[in-house]
């Protein structure tokens, strides 16, 4: 059976984007909270609540990335990559809690008469939407480069913030144009935003659970691993191939058929060649375990 050497995990860029997200979310949370309170807009206050949640979840992500990047040790011979999936689940749960708080307050405000939001709150929202969309693209790019579910989850959190801000913009605009009787449009916008947040939370939660349960990766990637292994000289058949994600890296387990008359040393050499060939083409596979079977 053949494995691979431990490699360091690329966490530096993920930590950098997360820190930037925390700072930006903190500034926006203050601006939105003040604008919402002074401008009588609960949709903007709801936005501030989500930005505050952004700070909390991004801080969780920062700690999760630091934890998952720790090298393997005696107690954790497979590394700490699962911490990243646990962090993504924590982010999803925090999003769900924020959505519940926003929905509860939205319903309360719909049932309670209040003033029409001030027009200047729209300017705040335009700045917020542009900032959060740019931050989403920046963080998502890093998440895709690292193949990090938690970093991508953080990116979608920023996108959900941009969406809730857009909903608030529409709601406030309707309230301003409609005049008396349309004040609740702002609150309905916040209620809609809470639904969007829950949907995003599920999109984050589902793949994280799959990673913790060691679900196979996408069939196309499995097929690519099998194809690469089959290209190695003296490999007669790739009998089994299972892949799974752990943190920002992937693992694979294969059963290869070789000539039953080969020596143990020769079989070992073939396993080495297969491992190297796969990792040269797919460097995201940090560990490949190969079991050699005698061909029937």
Protein backbone atom coordinates (compact mmCIF):
# COMPACT_ATOMS: atom_id res chain seq x y z
CA UNK A 1 0.00 0.00 0.00
CA UNK A 2 1.38 3.39 -1.01
CA UNK A 3 0.71 6.80 0.49
CA UNK A 4 2.07 10.27 -0.05
CA UNK A 5 4.15 12.57 2.11
CA UNK A 6 2.44 15.31 4.08
CA UNK A 7 2.36 18.69 2.39
CA UNK A 8 1.76 22.10 3.87
CA UNK A 9 -1.70 23.49 3.29
CA UNK A 10 -2.03 26.83 1.41
CA UNK A 11 -3.80 28.82 4.11
CA UNK A 12 -1.99 32.18 3.89
CA UNK A 13 -4.10 33.76 1.16
CA UNK A 14 -7.28 32.46 2.79
CA UNK A 15 -6.32 34.11 6.09
CA UNK A 16 -5.55 37.37 4.28
CA UNK A 17 -8.91 37.57 2.47
CA UNK A 18 -10.72 36.63 5.68
CA UNK A 19 -9.03 39.44 7.61
CA UNK A 20 -9.95 41.92 4.87
CA UNK A 21 -13.55 40.67 5.04
CA UNK A 22 -13.67 41.20 8.82
CA UNK A 23 -12.43 44.80 8.54
CA UNK A 24 -14.79 45.71 5.66
CA UNK A 25 -17.80 44.07 7.34
CA UNK A 26 -17.05 45.93 10.59
CA UNK A 27 -17.00 49.32 8.86
CA UNK A 28 -20.18 48.55 6.88
CA UNK A 29 -22.01 47.28 9.97
CA UNK A 30 -21.44 50.61 11.75
CA UNK A 31 -22.50 52.66 8.70
CA UNK A 32 -25.64 50.58 8.12
CA UNK A 33 -26.67 50.54 11.77
CA UNK A 34 -26.37 54.32 12.07
CA UNK A 35 -28.10 54.87 8.74
CA UNK A 36 -30.91 52.46 9.65
CA UNK A 37 -31.54 53.95 13.09
CA UNK A 38 -31.36 57.60 12.01
CA UNK A 39 -33.11 56.92 8.68
CA UNK A 40 -35.93 54.79 10.14
CA UNK A 41 -35.14 51.75 7.94
CA UNK A 42 -35.36 48.30 9.49
CA UNK A 43 -34.17 46.74 6.22
CA UNK A 44 -30.94 48.67 6.69
CA UNK A 45 -30.76 47.63 10.35
CA UNK A 46 -31.29 44.02 9.22
CA UNK A 47 -28.38 44.53 6.85
CA UNK A 48 -26.30 45.74 9.78
CA UNK A 49 -27.23 42.59 11.70
CA UNK A 50 -25.99 40.46 8.81
CA UNK A 51 -22.77 42.43 8.54
CA UNK A 52 -22.25 41.84 12.26
CA UNK A 53 -22.83 38.13 11.57
CA UNK A 54 -20.22 38.47 8.80
CA UNK A 55 -17.68 39.59 11.38
CA UNK A 56 -18.50 36.64 13.62
CA UNK A 57 -18.43 34.03 10.84
CA UNK A 58 -15.30 35.46 9.24
CA UNK A 59 -13.59 35.28 12.63
CA UNK A 60 -14.71 31.64 12.87
CA UNK A 61 -13.29 31.05 9.40
CA UNK A 62 -9.96 32.65 10.32
CA UNK A 63 -9.63 30.34 13.31
CA UNK A 64 -10.81 27.34 11.26
CA UNK A 65 -8.25 27.94 8.55
CA UNK A 66 -5.48 28.27 11.12
CA UNK A 67 -6.60 25.01 12.71
CA UNK A 68 -7.05 23.05 9.48
CA UNK A 69 -3.61 24.13 8.24
CA UNK A 70 -1.85 22.48 11.18
CA UNK A 71 0.30 19.56 10.02
CA UNK A 72 -0.43 15.95 10.95
CA UNK A 73 0.71 14.88 14.40
CA UNK A 74 0.66 11.78 16.58
CA UNK A 75 -2.99 12.24 17.60
CA UNK A 76 -4.13 13.38 14.13
CA UNK A 77 -2.13 11.35 11.57
CA UNK A 78 -4.46 12.48 8.75
CA UNK A 79 -4.06 16.16 9.57
CA UNK A 80 -6.67 18.68 10.71
CA UNK A 81 -8.46 19.33 7.41
CA UNK A 82 -11.91 18.40 8.77
CA UNK A 83 -11.79 21.58 10.87
CA UNK A 84 -12.52 23.51 7.68
CA UNK A 85 -15.81 21.65 7.13
CA UNK A 86 -16.76 22.17 10.78
CA UNK A 87 -16.11 25.89 10.31
CA UNK A 88 -18.36 25.97 7.23
CA UNK A 89 -21.15 24.34 9.25
CA UNK A 90 -20.64 26.94 11.99
CA UNK A 91 -20.95 29.71 9.38
CA UNK A 92 -24.18 28.16 8.04
CA UNK A 93 -25.69 27.95 11.53
CA UNK A 94 -24.72 31.56 12.28
CA UNK A 95 -26.37 32.66 9.03
CA UNK A 96 -29.53 30.78 9.97
CA UNK A 97 -29.61 32.48 13.38
CA UNK A 98 -29.16 35.90 11.76
CA UNK A 99 -32.00 35.11 9.33
CA UNK A 100 -34.29 34.15 12.21
CA UNK A 101 -33.56 37.39 14.08
CA UNK A 102 -34.18 39.47 10.95
CA UNK A 103 -37.44 37.63 10.11
CA UNK A 104 -38.76 37.97 13.68
CA UNK A 105 -38.11 41.71 13.79
CA UNK A 106 -39.46 42.18 10.25
CA UNK A 107 -42.81 40.63 11.19
CA UNK A 108 -42.92 42.79 14.32
CA UNK A 109 -42.31 45.96 12.28
CA UNK A 110 -44.89 44.98 9.66
CA UNK A 111 -47.47 44.85 12.43
CA UNK A 112 -46.24 48.10 14.03
CA UNK A 113 -46.76 51.46 12.23
CA UNK A 114 -43.57 53.46 11.67
CA UNK A 115 -42.08 56.27 9.62
CA UNK A 116 -41.06 56.02 5.96
CA UNK A 117 -37.29 55.50 5.62
CA UNK A 118 -35.18 58.53 4.75
CA UNK A 119 -34.10 58.92 1.11
CA UNK A 120 -30.40 59.09 1.98
CA UNK A 121 -30.48 55.47 3.11
CA UNK A 122 -30.53 54.55 -0.60
CA UNK A 123 -27.09 56.11 -1.05
CA UNK A 124 -25.74 54.01 1.80
CA UNK A 125 -27.19 50.87 0.21
CA UNK A 126 -25.64 51.58 -3.20
CA UNK A 127 -22.21 51.84 -1.56
CA UNK A 128 -22.83 48.66 0.44
CA UNK A 129 -24.00 46.64 -2.59
CA UNK A 130 -20.96 47.65 -4.67
CA UNK A 131 -18.53 46.98 -1.81
CA UNK A 132 -20.00 43.58 -0.89
CA UNK A 133 -20.16 42.40 -4.50
CA UNK A 134 -16.49 43.28 -5.01
CA UNK A 135 -15.62 41.53 -1.74
CA UNK A 136 -17.61 38.46 -2.83
CA UNK A 137 -15.64 38.19 -6.08
CA UNK A 138 -12.33 38.73 -4.29
CA UNK A 139 -12.97 36.08 -1.62
CA UNK A 140 -14.53 33.59 -4.06
CA UNK A 141 -11.45 33.79 -6.29
CA UNK A 142 -9.30 32.81 -3.32
CA UNK A 143 -11.73 30.04 -2.33
CA UNK A 144 -11.62 28.53 -5.81
CA UNK A 145 -7.82 28.75 -5.93
CA UNK A 146 -7.54 26.96 -2.58
CA UNK A 147 -10.46 24.59 -3.23
CA UNK A 148 -11.68 25.67 0.21
CA UNK A 149 -15.33 25.12 1.04
CA UNK A 150 -15.11 27.40 4.08
CA UNK A 151 -13.56 30.30 2.13
CA UNK A 152 -16.18 29.88 -0.61
CA UNK A 153 -18.84 29.84 2.11
CA UNK A 154 -17.49 33.13 3.41
CA UNK A 155 -17.65 34.54 -0.13
CA UNK A 156 -21.30 33.53 -0.51
CA UNK A 157 -21.98 35.20 2.84
CA UNK A 158 -20.74 38.47 1.32
CA UNK A 159 -22.93 37.85 -1.74
CA UNK A 160 -25.97 37.26 0.49
CA UNK A 161 -25.22 40.58 2.18
CA UNK A 162 -25.22 42.28 -1.25
CA UNK A 163 -28.54 40.61 -2.06
CA UNK A 164 -30.16 41.70 1.21
CA UNK A 165 -28.92 45.23 0.57
CA UNK A 166 -30.46 45.13 -2.92
CA UNK A 167 -33.76 43.94 -1.40
CA UNK A 168 -33.59 46.78 1.12
CA UNK A 169 -32.96 49.26 -1.72
CA UNK A 170 -36.07 48.06 -3.55
CA UNK A 171 -38.19 48.10 -0.40
CA UNK A 172 -37.13 51.61 0.61
CA UNK A 173 -37.65 52.88 -2.95
CA UNK A 174 -41.20 51.50 -2.97
CA UNK A 175 -41.88 53.11 0.41
CA UNK A 176 -40.59 56.49 -0.76
CA UNK A 177 -42.49 56.44 -4.06
CA UNK A 178 -45.71 54.99 -2.60
CA UNK A 179 -45.82 57.33 0.36
CA UNK A 180 -48.14 56.77 3.32
CA UNK A 181 -49.25 53.15 3.63
CA UNK A 182 -46.18 51.80 1.85
CA UNK A 183 -43.78 52.11 4.78
CA UNK A 184 -43.95 48.34 5.35
CA UNK A 185 -42.29 47.69 1.96
CA UNK A 186 -39.01 48.22 3.80
CA UNK A 187 -39.94 45.51 6.30
CA UNK A 188 -41.09 43.06 3.63
CA UNK A 189 -37.71 43.59 1.95
CA UNK A 190 -35.98 42.60 5.19
CA UNK A 191 -38.24 39.53 5.45
CA UNK A 192 -37.33 38.53 1.90
CA UNK A 193 -33.67 39.03 2.75
CA UNK A 194 -33.97 36.56 5.64
CA UNK A 195 -35.21 33.90 3.18
CA UNK A 196 -32.22 34.50 0.88
CA UNK A 197 -29.90 34.13 3.86
CA UNK A 198 -31.44 30.75 4.80
CA UNK A 199 -31.04 29.49 1.22
CA UNK A 200 -27.36 30.51 1.23
CA UNK A 201 -26.91 28.84 4.62
CA UNK A 202 -28.18 25.55 3.17
CA UNK A 203 -25.82 25.84 0.18
CA UNK A 204 -22.94 26.17 2.63
CA UNK A 205 -24.17 23.48 5.01
CA UNK A 206 -24.81 20.68 2.48
CA UNK A 207 -21.28 20.26 1.00
CA UNK A 208 -19.70 20.64 4.46
CA UNK A 209 -21.77 17.70 5.73
CA UNK A 210 -20.74 15.73 2.66
CA UNK A 211 -17.09 16.37 3.43
CA UNK A 212 -17.47 15.25 7.05
CA UNK A 213 -19.20 12.05 5.86
CA UNK A 214 -16.43 11.40 3.30
CA UNK A 215 -18.70 11.56 0.26
CA UNK A 216 -17.05 10.70 -3.05
CA UNK A 217 -15.99 13.74 -5.05
CA UNK A 218 -17.60 14.49 -8.40
CA UNK A 219 -17.69 11.50 -10.84
CA UNK A 220 -15.63 13.39 -13.44
CA UNK A 221 -12.73 13.74 -11.01
CA UNK A 222 -12.95 10.08 -10.01
CA UNK A 223 -12.82 9.11 -13.67
CA UNK A 224 -9.78 11.34 -14.22
CA UNK A 225 -7.91 9.67 -11.33
CA UNK A 226 -8.74 6.21 -12.72
CA UNK A 227 -7.62 7.27 -16.19
CA UNK A 228 -4.28 8.57 -14.91
CA UNK A 229 -3.65 5.39 -12.92
CA UNK A 230 -4.47 3.24 -15.95
CA UNK A 231 -1.87 5.13 -18.03
CA UNK A 232 0.97 3.80 -15.85
CA UNK A 233 2.88 0.91 -17.51
CA UNK A 234 2.15 -2.56 -16.03
CA UNK A 235 -1.20 -1.46 -14.53
CA UNK A 236 -3.64 -4.02 -15.95
CA UNK A 237 -6.84 -2.70 -14.37
CA UNK A 238 -8.02 0.00 -11.98
CA UNK A 239 -10.51 -2.00 -9.93
CA UNK A 240 -11.62 0.61 -7.38
CA UNK A 241 -11.25 4.33 -6.98
CA UNK A 242 -12.67 6.40 -4.13
CA UNK A 243 -11.96 10.09 -3.56
CA UNK A 244 -12.79 12.43 -0.70
CA UNK A 245 -12.11 15.97 0.40
CA UNK A 246 -10.34 16.94 3.61
CA UNK A 247 -9.95 20.68 4.09
CA UNK A 248 -8.48 22.31 1.01
CA UNK A 249 -6.93 19.06 -0.25
CA UNK A 250 -8.19 15.75 -1.65
CA UNK A 251 -7.46 12.10 -0.87
CA UNK A 252 -7.80 9.01 -3.09
CA UNK A 253 -7.87 5.24 -2.50
CA UNK A 254 -7.25 2.87 -5.42
CA UNK A 255 -6.99 -0.87 -6.08
CA UNK A 256 -4.71 -1.68 -9.04
CA UNK A 257 -4.34 -5.03 -10.78
CA UNK A 258 -0.82 -6.03 -11.84
CA UNK A 259 0.77 -9.24 -13.12
CA UNK A 260 0.56 -11.78 -10.29
CA UNK A 261 4.08 -13.02 -11.11
CA UNK A 262 5.70 -9.68 -10.26
CA UNK A 263 7.73 -9.39 -7.05
CA UNK A 264 6.60 -7.32 -4.08
CA UNK A 265 9.29 -4.77 -4.91
CA UNK A 266 8.07 -4.48 -8.51
CA UNK A 267 4.48 -4.00 -7.35
CA UNK A 268 5.67 -1.34 -4.91
CA UNK A 269 7.47 0.48 -7.73
CA UNK A 270 4.32 0.46 -9.88
CA UNK A 271 2.33 1.96 -6.98
CA UNK A 272 4.94 4.72 -6.63
CA UNK A 273 4.73 5.50 -10.35
CA UNK A 274 0.91 5.61 -10.24
CA UNK A 275 0.94 7.92 -7.22
CA UNK A 276 3.46 10.30 -8.79
CA UNK A 277 1.65 10.32 -12.13
CA UNK A 278 -1.68 11.25 -10.49
CA UNK A 279 -0.19 13.92 -8.24
CA UNK A 280 1.76 15.50 -11.11
CA UNK A 281 -1.51 16.01 -13.00
CA UNK A 282 -3.76 16.62 -9.97
CA UNK A 283 -1.63 18.27 -7.26
CA UNK A 284 -4.71 18.86 -5.08
CA UNK A 285 -4.44 15.17 -4.05
CA UNK A 286 -2.28 15.37 -0.95
CA UNK A 287 -2.59 11.65 -0.16
CA UNK A 288 -3.08 8.62 -2.42
CA UNK A 289 -3.33 5.14 -0.97
CA UNK A 290 -2.81 2.34 -3.53
CA UNK A 291 -3.52 -1.33 -2.92
CA UNK A 292 -1.89 -3.75 -5.36
CA UNK A 293 -3.97 -6.77 -6.44
CA UNK A 294 -2.76 -9.81 -8.45
CA UNK A 295 -4.50 -9.90 -11.84
CA UNK A 296 -6.97 -12.76 -12.17
